[in-house]
C-alpha atoms as a PDB file:
ATOM      1  CA  UNK A   1       4.476   3.509  10.335  1.00  0.00           C
ATOM      2  CA  UNK A   2       3.612   7.139  11.070  1.00  0.00           C
ATOM      3  CA  UNK A   3       1.160   7.670  13.881  1.00  0.00           C
ATOM      4  CA  UNK A   4      -2.238   8.845  12.651  1.00  0.00           C
ATOM      5  CA  UNK A   5      -3.134  12.404  13.531  1.00  0.00           C
ATOM      6  CA  UNK A   6      -5.032  12.591  16.793  1.00  0.00           C
ATOM      7  CA  UNK A   7      -4.491   8.942  17.708  1.00  0.00           C
ATOM      8  CA  UNK A   8      -3.176   8.115  21.203  1.00  0.00           C
ATOM      9  CA  UNK A   9       0.570   7.855  21.516  1.00  0.00           C
ATOM     10  CA  UNK A  10       2.408   4.585  22.043  1.00  0.00           C
ATOM     11  CA  UNK A  11       4.809   6.470  24.323  1.00  0.00           C
ATOM     12  CA  UNK A  12       1.906   7.435  26.581  1.00  0.00           C
ATOM     13  CA  UNK A  13       0.675   3.836  26.726  1.00  0.00           C
ATOM     14  CA  UNK A  14       4.230   2.704  27.522  1.00  0.00           C
ATOM     15  CA  UNK A  15       4.287   5.144  30.451  1.00  0.00           C
ATOM     16  CA  UNK A  16       0.913   3.751  31.559  1.00  0.00           C
ATOM     17  CA  UNK A  17       2.323   0.239  31.401  1.00  0.00           C
ATOM     18  CA  UNK A  18       5.218   1.276  33.616  1.00  0.00           C
ATOM     19  CA  UNK A  19       2.817   2.791  36.163  1.00  0.00           C
ATOM     20  CA  UNK A  20       0.662  -0.330  35.999  1.00  0.00           C
ATOM     21  CA  UNK A  21       3.651  -2.596  36.608  1.00  0.00           C
ATOM     22  CA  UNK A  22       4.677  -0.592  39.671  1.00  0.00           C
ATOM     23  CA  UNK A  23       1.199  -0.426  41.181  1.00  0.00           C
ATOM     24  CA  UNK A  24      -0.041  -3.927  40.419  1.00  0.00           C
ATOM     25  CA  UNK A  25       3.135  -5.744  41.461  1.00  0.00           C
ATOM     26  CA  UNK A  26       3.568  -3.399  44.407  1.00  0.00           C
ATOM     27  CA  UNK A  27       0.059  -3.858  45.812  1.00  0.00           C
ATOM     28  CA  UNK A  28      -0.792  -7.413  44.745  1.00  0.00           C
ATOM     29  CA  UNK A  29       0.862 -10.585  43.492  1.00  0.00           C
ATOM     30  CA  UNK A  30      -0.123 -11.075  39.854  1.00  0.00           C
ATOM     31  CA  UNK A  31       0.474 -14.507  38.377  1.00  0.00           C
ATOM     32  CA  UNK A  32       0.706 -14.138  34.606  1.00  0.00           C
ATOM     33  CA  UNK A  33       0.102 -17.191  32.448  1.00  0.00           C
ATOM     34  CA  UNK A  34       0.434 -17.431  28.675  1.00  0.00           C
ATOM     35  CA  UNK A  35       1.690 -13.898  27.990  1.00  0.00           C
ATOM     36  CA  UNK A  36       3.776 -15.354  25.153  1.00  0.00           C
ATOM     37  CA  UNK A  37       0.510 -15.887  23.261  1.00  0.00           C
ATOM     38  CA  UNK A  38       0.248 -12.135  22.625  1.00  0.00           C
ATOM     39  CA  UNK A  39       1.845 -11.415  19.213  1.00  0.00           C
ATOM     40  CA  UNK A  40       5.134  -9.586  19.727  1.00  0.00           C
ATOM     41  CA  UNK A  41       4.311  -7.016  17.058  1.00  0.00           C
ATOM     42  CA  UNK A  42       1.455  -5.870  14.866  1.00  0.00           C
ATOM     43  CA  UNK A  43      -2.147  -5.034  15.734  1.00  0.00           C
ATOM     44  CA  UNK A  44      -3.924  -7.149  18.332  1.00  0.00           C
ATOM     45  CA  UNK A  45      -7.074  -6.854  20.429  1.00  0.00           C
ATOM     46  CA  UNK A  46      -7.061  -8.031  24.047  1.00  0.00           C
ATOM     47  CA  UNK A  47     -10.599  -9.062  25.051  1.00  0.00           C
ATOM     48  CA  UNK A  48     -10.799  -9.020  28.838  1.00  0.00           C
ATOM     49  CA  UNK A  49     -13.501 -10.195  31.232  1.00  0.00           C
ATOM     50  CA  UNK A  50     -14.525  -7.456  33.662  1.00  0.00           C
ATOM     51  CA  UNK A  51     -15.672  -8.098  37.221  1.00  0.00           C
ATOM     52  CA  UNK A  52     -13.613  -5.542  39.190  1.00  0.00           C
ATOM     53  CA  UNK A  53     -12.294  -2.015  38.722  1.00  0.00           C
ATOM     54  CA  UNK A  54      -8.673  -3.192  38.979  1.00  0.00           C
ATOM     55  CA  UNK A  55      -9.010  -5.508  35.959  1.00  0.00           C
ATOM     56  CA  UNK A  56      -7.965  -2.806  33.476  1.00  0.00           C
ATOM     57  CA  UNK A  57      -4.957  -1.536  35.447  1.00  0.00           C
ATOM     58  CA  UNK A  58      -4.015  -5.140  36.215  1.00  0.00           C
ATOM     59  CA  UNK A  59      -3.858  -5.958  32.525  1.00  0.00           C
ATOM     60  CA  UNK A  60      -1.956  -2.755  31.748  1.00  0.00           C
ATOM     61  CA  UNK A  61       0.677  -3.834  34.272  1.00  0.00           C
ATOM     62  CA  UNK A  62       0.917  -7.473  33.219  1.00  0.00           C
ATOM     63  CA  UNK A  63       0.495  -7.458  29.421  1.00  0.00           C
ATOM     64  CA  UNK A  64       3.764  -7.858  27.493  1.00  0.00           C
ATOM     65  CA  UNK A  65       2.996  -4.778  25.373  1.00  0.00           C
ATOM     66  CA  UNK A  66       1.531  -1.317  26.115  1.00  0.00           C
ATOM     67  CA  UNK A  67      -2.277  -1.348  25.920  1.00  0.00           C
ATOM     68  CA  UNK A  68      -4.731   1.345  24.834  1.00  0.00           C
ATOM     69  CA  UNK A  69      -8.016   0.629  26.613  1.00  0.00           C
ATOM     70  CA  UNK A  70     -11.450   1.837  25.609  1.00  0.00           C
ATOM     71  CA  UNK A  71     -12.719   3.288  28.899  1.00  0.00           C
ATOM     72  CA  UNK A  72     -16.158   4.702  29.675  1.00  0.00           C
ATOM     73  CA  UNK A  73     -16.299   8.486  29.597  1.00  0.00           C
ATOM     74  CA  UNK A  74     -17.578   8.594  33.186  1.00  0.00           C
ATOM     75  CA  UNK A  75     -14.055   7.674  34.358  1.00  0.00           C
ATOM     76  CA  UNK A  76     -12.567  10.784  32.739  1.00  0.00           C
ATOM     77  CA  UNK A  77     -13.401  13.208  35.534  1.00  0.00           C
ATOM     78  CA  UNK A  78     -11.265  15.881  37.192  1.00  0.00           C
ATOM     79  CA  UNK A  79      -7.523  15.158  37.158  1.00  0.00           C
ATOM     80  CA  UNK A  80      -8.160  11.640  35.851  1.00  0.00           C
ATOM     81  CA  UNK A  81      -9.111  13.086  32.452  1.00  0.00           C
ATOM     82  CA  UNK A  82      -5.669  14.443  31.473  1.00  0.00           C
ATOM     83  CA  UNK A  83      -3.968  11.529  33.229  1.00  0.00           C
ATOM     84  CA  UNK A  84      -5.854   8.820  31.325  1.00  0.00           C
ATOM     85  CA  UNK A  85      -5.418  10.670  28.045  1.00  0.00           C
ATOM     86  CA  UNK A  86      -1.725  11.144  28.793  1.00  0.00           C
ATOM     87  CA  UNK A  87      -1.171   7.396  29.206  1.00  0.00           C
ATOM     88  CA  UNK A  88      -2.852   6.649  25.885  1.00  0.00           C
ATOM     89  CA  UNK A  89      -6.291   5.527  27.053  1.00  0.00           C
ATOM     90  CA  UNK A  90      -9.417   6.119  24.946  1.00  0.00           C
ATOM     91  CA  UNK A  91     -12.608   7.767  26.187  1.00  0.00           C
ATOM     92  CA  UNK A  92     -15.814   6.236  24.862  1.00  0.00           C
ATOM     93  CA  UNK A  93     -19.459   7.262  25.235  1.00  0.00           C
ATOM     94  CA  UNK A  94     -21.281   3.947  25.630  1.00  0.00           C
ATOM     95  CA  UNK A  95     -24.706   5.499  25.031  1.00  0.00           C
ATOM     96  CA  UNK A  96     -24.098   6.292  21.370  1.00  0.00           C
ATOM     97  CA  UNK A  97     -21.979   5.414  18.355  1.00  0.00           C
ATOM     98  CA  UNK A  98     -18.950   7.413  19.489  1.00  0.00           C
ATOM     99  CA  UNK A  99     -17.209   8.209  16.195  1.00  0.00           C
ATOM    100  CA  UNK A 100     -14.186   9.780  17.863  1.00  0.00           C
ATOM    101  CA  UNK A 101     -13.595   6.691  19.996  1.00  0.00           C
ATOM    102  CA  UNK A 102     -14.108   4.419  16.986  1.00  0.00           C
ATOM    103  CA  UNK A 103     -11.611   6.407  14.920  1.00  0.00           C
ATOM    104  CA  UNK A 104      -9.055   6.447  17.738  1.00  0.00           C
ATOM    105  CA  UNK A 105      -9.418   2.709  18.376  1.00  0.00           C
ATOM    106  CA  UNK A 106      -9.021   1.862  14.699  1.00  0.00           C
ATOM    107  CA  UNK A 107      -6.025   4.217  14.610  1.00  0.00           C
ATOM    108  CA  UNK A 108      -4.346   2.206  17.368  1.00  0.00           C
ATOM    109  CA  UNK A 109      -4.772  -0.982  15.323  1.00  0.00           C
ATOM    110  CA  UNK A 110      -3.777   0.648  12.028  1.00  0.00           C
ATOM    111  CA  UNK A 111      -0.529   1.706  13.668  1.00  0.00           C
ATOM    112  CA  UNK A 112       0.176  -1.825  14.889  1.00  0.00           C
ATOM    113  CA  UNK A 113      -0.799  -1.214  18.512  1.00  0.00           C
ATOM    114  CA  UNK A 114      -2.675  -3.155  21.179  1.00  0.00           C
ATOM    115  CA  UNK A 115      -6.327  -2.299  21.820  1.00  0.00           C
ATOM    116  CA  UNK A 116      -7.870  -3.425  25.105  1.00  0.00           C
ATOM    117  CA  UNK A 117     -11.622  -4.011  25.236  1.00  0.00           C
ATOM    118  CA  UNK A 118     -14.061  -5.163  27.890  1.00  0.00           C
ATOM    119  CA  UNK A 119     -16.476  -6.843  25.459  1.00  0.00           C
ATOM    120  CA  UNK A 120     -19.248  -7.051  28.059  1.00  0.00           C
ATOM    121  CA  UNK A 121     -19.395  -3.261  27.916  1.00  0.00           C
ATOM    122  CA  UNK A 122     -19.331  -2.713  31.680  1.00  0.00           C
ATOM    123  CA  UNK A 123     -18.312  -4.345  34.936  1.00  0.00           C
ATOM    124  CA  UNK A 124     -20.472  -7.357  35.775  1.00  0.00           C
ATOM    125  CA  UNK A 125     -20.080 -11.064  36.435  1.00  0.00           C
ATOM    126  CA  UNK A 126     -16.998 -11.195  34.222  1.00  0.00           C
ATOM    127  CA  UNK A 127     -18.233 -14.318  32.444  1.00  0.00           C
ATOM    128  CA  UNK A 128     -18.564 -13.016  28.855  1.00  0.00           C
ATOM    129  CA  UNK A 129     -22.285 -13.882  28.980  1.00  0.00           C
ATOM    130  CA  UNK A 130     -23.383 -10.671  27.271  1.00  0.00           C
ATOM    131  CA  UNK A 131     -21.173  -9.382  24.484  1.00  0.00           C
ATOM    132  CA  UNK A 132     -21.641  -6.119  22.647  1.00  0.00           C
ATOM    133  CA  UNK A 133     -20.992  -5.920  18.924  1.00  0.00           C
ATOM    134  CA  UNK A 134     -18.119  -3.430  19.266  1.00  0.00           C
ATOM    135  CA  UNK A 135     -15.440  -6.085  19.650  1.00  0.00           C
ATOM    136  CA  UNK A 136     -16.569  -7.871  16.484  1.00  0.00           C
ATOM    137  CA  UNK A 137     -16.646  -4.584  14.571  1.00  0.00           C
ATOM    138  CA  UNK A 138     -13.079  -3.627  15.493  1.00  0.00           C
ATOM    139  CA  UNK A 139     -11.762  -7.126  14.838  1.00  0.00           C
ATOM    140  CA  UNK A 140     -13.492  -7.509  11.479  1.00  0.00           C
ATOM    141  CA  UNK A 141     -12.793  -3.949  10.337  1.00  0.00           C
ATOM    142  CA  UNK A 142      -9.081  -4.099  11.208  1.00  0.00           C
ATOM    143  CA  UNK A 143      -8.379  -7.774  10.620  1.00  0.00           C
ATOM    144  CA  UNK A 144      -6.497  -7.797  13.952  1.00  0.00           C
ATOM    145  CA  UNK A 145      -6.402 -11.087  15.876  1.00  0.00           C
ATOM    146  CA  UNK A 146      -8.157 -11.326  19.233  1.00  0.00           C
ATOM    147  CA  UNK A 147      -6.393 -12.639  22.334  1.00  0.00           C
ATOM    148  CA  UNK A 148      -8.806 -13.614  25.139  1.00  0.00           C
ATOM    149  CA  UNK A 149      -7.720 -12.654  28.646  1.00  0.00           C
ATOM    150  CA  UNK A 150      -9.167 -13.900  31.926  1.00  0.00           C
ATOM    151  CA  UNK A 151      -8.491 -11.888  35.090  1.00  0.00           C
ATOM    152  CA  UNK A 152      -9.353 -14.119  38.040  1.00  0.00           C
ATOM    153  CA  UNK A 153      -9.259 -13.582  41.780  1.00  0.00           C
ATOM    154  CA  UNK A 154      -9.967  -9.853  41.916  1.00  0.00           C
ATOM    155  CA  UNK A 155     -13.432 -10.385  43.445  1.00  0.00           C
ATOM    156  CA  UNK A 156     -12.865 -13.417  45.663  1.00  0.00           C
ATOM    157  CA  UNK A 157     -12.219 -11.455  48.870  1.00  0.00           C
ATOM    158  CA  UNK A 158     -12.440  -7.882  50.091  1.00  0.00           C
ATOM    159  CA  UNK A 159      -9.485  -6.063  51.549  1.00  0.00           C
ATOM    160  CA  UNK A 160      -9.377  -5.194  55.235  1.00  0.00           C
ATOM    161  CA  UNK A 161      -8.049  -1.667  54.721  1.00  0.00           C
ATOM    162  CA  UNK A 162      -9.997  -0.812  51.559  1.00  0.00           C
ATOM    163  CA  UNK A 163     -13.024  -3.063  51.146  1.00  0.00           C
ATOM    164  CA  UNK A 164     -13.507  -2.039  47.518  1.00  0.00           C
ATOM    165  CA  UNK A 165     -10.155  -3.630  46.581  1.00  0.00           C
ATOM    166  CA  UNK A 166      -8.790  -7.168  46.835  1.00  0.00           C
ATOM    167  CA  UNK A 167      -6.646  -7.775  49.923  1.00  0.00           C
ATOM    168  CA  UNK A 168      -3.185  -6.282  49.563  1.00  0.00           C
ATOM    169  CA  UNK A 169      -0.531  -8.773  48.436  1.00  0.00           C
ATOM    170  CA  UNK A 170      -3.202 -11.297  47.440  1.00  0.00           C
ATOM    171  CA  UNK A 171      -2.766 -13.257  44.214  1.00  0.00           C
ATOM    172  CA  UNK A 172      -4.590 -12.292  41.043  1.00  0.00           C
ATOM    173  CA  UNK A 173      -4.294 -14.556  38.016  1.00  0.00           C
ATOM    174  CA  UNK A 174      -4.070 -13.111  34.495  1.00  0.00           C
ATOM    175  CA  UNK A 175      -4.438 -15.815  31.863  1.00  0.00           C
ATOM    176  CA  UNK A 176      -3.853 -15.104  28.165  1.00  0.00           C
ATOM    177  CA  UNK A 177      -5.385 -17.425  25.564  1.00  0.00           C
ATOM    178  CA  UNK A 178      -4.567 -18.321  21.985  1.00  0.00           C
ATOM    179  CA  UNK A 179      -5.036 -15.603  19.360  1.00  0.00           C
ATOM    180  CA  UNK A 180      -7.866 -16.164  16.886  1.00  0.00           C
ATOM    181  CA  UNK A 181      -9.616 -14.437  13.986  1.00  0.00           C
ATOM    182  CA  UNK A 182     -13.116 -12.979  14.371  1.00  0.00           C
ATOM    183  CA  UNK A 183     -14.069 -14.513  11.031  1.00  0.00           C
ATOM    184  CA  UNK A 184     -12.616 -17.794   9.844  1.00  0.00           C
ATOM    185  CA  UNK A 185     -10.511 -17.122   6.767  1.00  0.00           C
ATOM    186  CA  UNK A 186     -11.478 -13.434   6.878  1.00  0.00           C
ATOM    187  CA  UNK A 187      -8.004 -11.919   6.782  1.00  0.00           C
ATOM    188  CA  UNK A 188      -7.138 -10.601   3.360  1.00  0.00           C
ATOM    189  CA  UNK A 189      -4.438  -8.453   1.782  1.00  0.00           C
ATOM    190  CA  UNK A 190      -6.487  -5.424   2.803  1.00  0.00           C
ATOM    191  CA  UNK A 191      -6.588  -6.573   6.426  1.00  0.00           C
ATOM    192  CA  UNK A 192     -10.324  -6.925   7.009  1.00  0.00           C
ATOM    193  CA  UNK A 193     -13.376  -9.099   6.477  1.00  0.00           C
ATOM    194  CA  UNK A 194     -17.053  -8.687   5.634  1.00  0.00           C
ATOM    195  CA  UNK A 195     -18.783  -6.011   7.708  1.00  0.00           C
ATOM    196  CA  UNK A 196     -22.451  -6.669   6.987  1.00  0.00           C
ATOM    197  CA  UNK A 197     -24.808  -6.902   9.982  1.00  0.00           C
ATOM    198  CA  UNK A 198     -25.131 -10.658   9.432  1.00  0.00           C
ATOM    199  CA  UNK A 199     -21.360 -11.057   9.266  1.00  0.00           C
ATOM    200  CA  UNK A 200     -20.858  -9.056  12.476  1.00  0.00           C
ATOM    201  CA  UNK A 201     -23.567 -11.044  14.269  1.00  0.00           C
ATOM    202  CA  UNK A 202     -21.909 -14.298  13.198  1.00  0.00           C
ATOM    203  CA  UNK A 203     -18.518 -12.972  14.297  1.00  0.00           C
ATOM    204  CA  UNK A 204     -19.951 -11.998  17.695  1.00  0.00           C
ATOM    205  CA  UNK A 205     -21.276 -15.529  18.223  1.00  0.00           C
ATOM    206  CA  UNK A 206     -17.907 -16.996  17.245  1.00  0.00           C
ATOM    207  CA  UNK A 207     -16.033 -14.584  19.510  1.00  0.00           C
ATOM    208  CA  UNK A 208     -18.307 -15.270  22.483  1.00  0.00           C
ATOM    209  CA  UNK A 209     -17.800 -19.016  22.126  1.00  0.00           C
ATOM    210  CA  UNK A 210     -14.011 -18.619  22.056  1.00  0.00           C
ATOM    211  CA  UNK A 211     -13.927 -16.198  25.009  1.00  0.00           C
ATOM    212  CA  UNK A 212     -16.231 -18.367  27.131  1.00  0.00           C
ATOM    213  CA  UNK A 213     -14.174 -21.480  26.367  1.00  0.00           C
ATOM    214  CA  UNK A 214     -10.981 -19.669  27.360  1.00  0.00           C
ATOM    215  CA  UNK A 215     -12.521 -18.463  30.616  1.00  0.00           C
ATOM    216  CA  UNK A 216     -13.655 -21.997  31.473  1.00  0.00           C
ATOM    217  CA  UNK A 217     -10.183 -23.353  30.720  1.00  0.00           C
ATOM    218  CA  UNK A 218      -8.540 -20.592  32.785  1.00  0.00           C
ATOM    219  CA  UNK A 219     -10.799 -21.325  35.763  1.00  0.00           C
ATOM    220  CA  UNK A 220     -10.037 -25.032  35.630  1.00  0.00           C
ATOM    221  CA  UNK A 221      -6.302 -24.439  35.273  1.00  0.00           C
ATOM    222  CA  UNK A 222      -6.069 -21.939  38.138  1.00  0.00           C
ATOM    223  CA  UNK A 223      -8.762 -23.410  40.374  1.00  0.00           C
ATOM    224  CA  UNK A 224     -10.474 -20.014  40.417  1.00  0.00           C
ATOM    225  CA  UNK A 225     -14.200 -19.256  40.295  1.00  0.00           C
END
């Protein structure tokens, strides 16, 4: 499929994945569980809990496919702006309905790529307790399956050299869950489901239940908080 005009390049995201692999495996000891649950091809949304700044880079370096993350515009400052754009990441203004970010994100999915989303909207407890409607919108609009991802261990201890980061060479668990649809039976030949406000609200409730259940399972399995 031809890449949509203006959409982020898969090549850039592949470069970002290579950088992520080098940094994450070089600085820490990721333990990746269930990566086979990510579809090998076609559009997919990775919904990731977010409790530490390394969660995004950690997923970029451990996911089996290159990921285009929706990242807050505040991160695109100075030399980070061209760098993040160059590795296929998407800038989003969280204070408004950012049409450019929406178009770019849908373009990733239309071209069979992987979209990464922190559905809580910002870094917090990382427990999926407060979901924004954006994840449901992208999933319902595109028809792409959602794969829940739990990143655990990034906030358990502070590093001795850099207190803002986990201790170097410490273990961080990345647990991928089973793919699911935002709306039961919603996928159609056109690749999308109902997009009314009621339908999106119902999809958000369904998504939150699935993400929370996966996080609970991942914590029990790994023994992490």
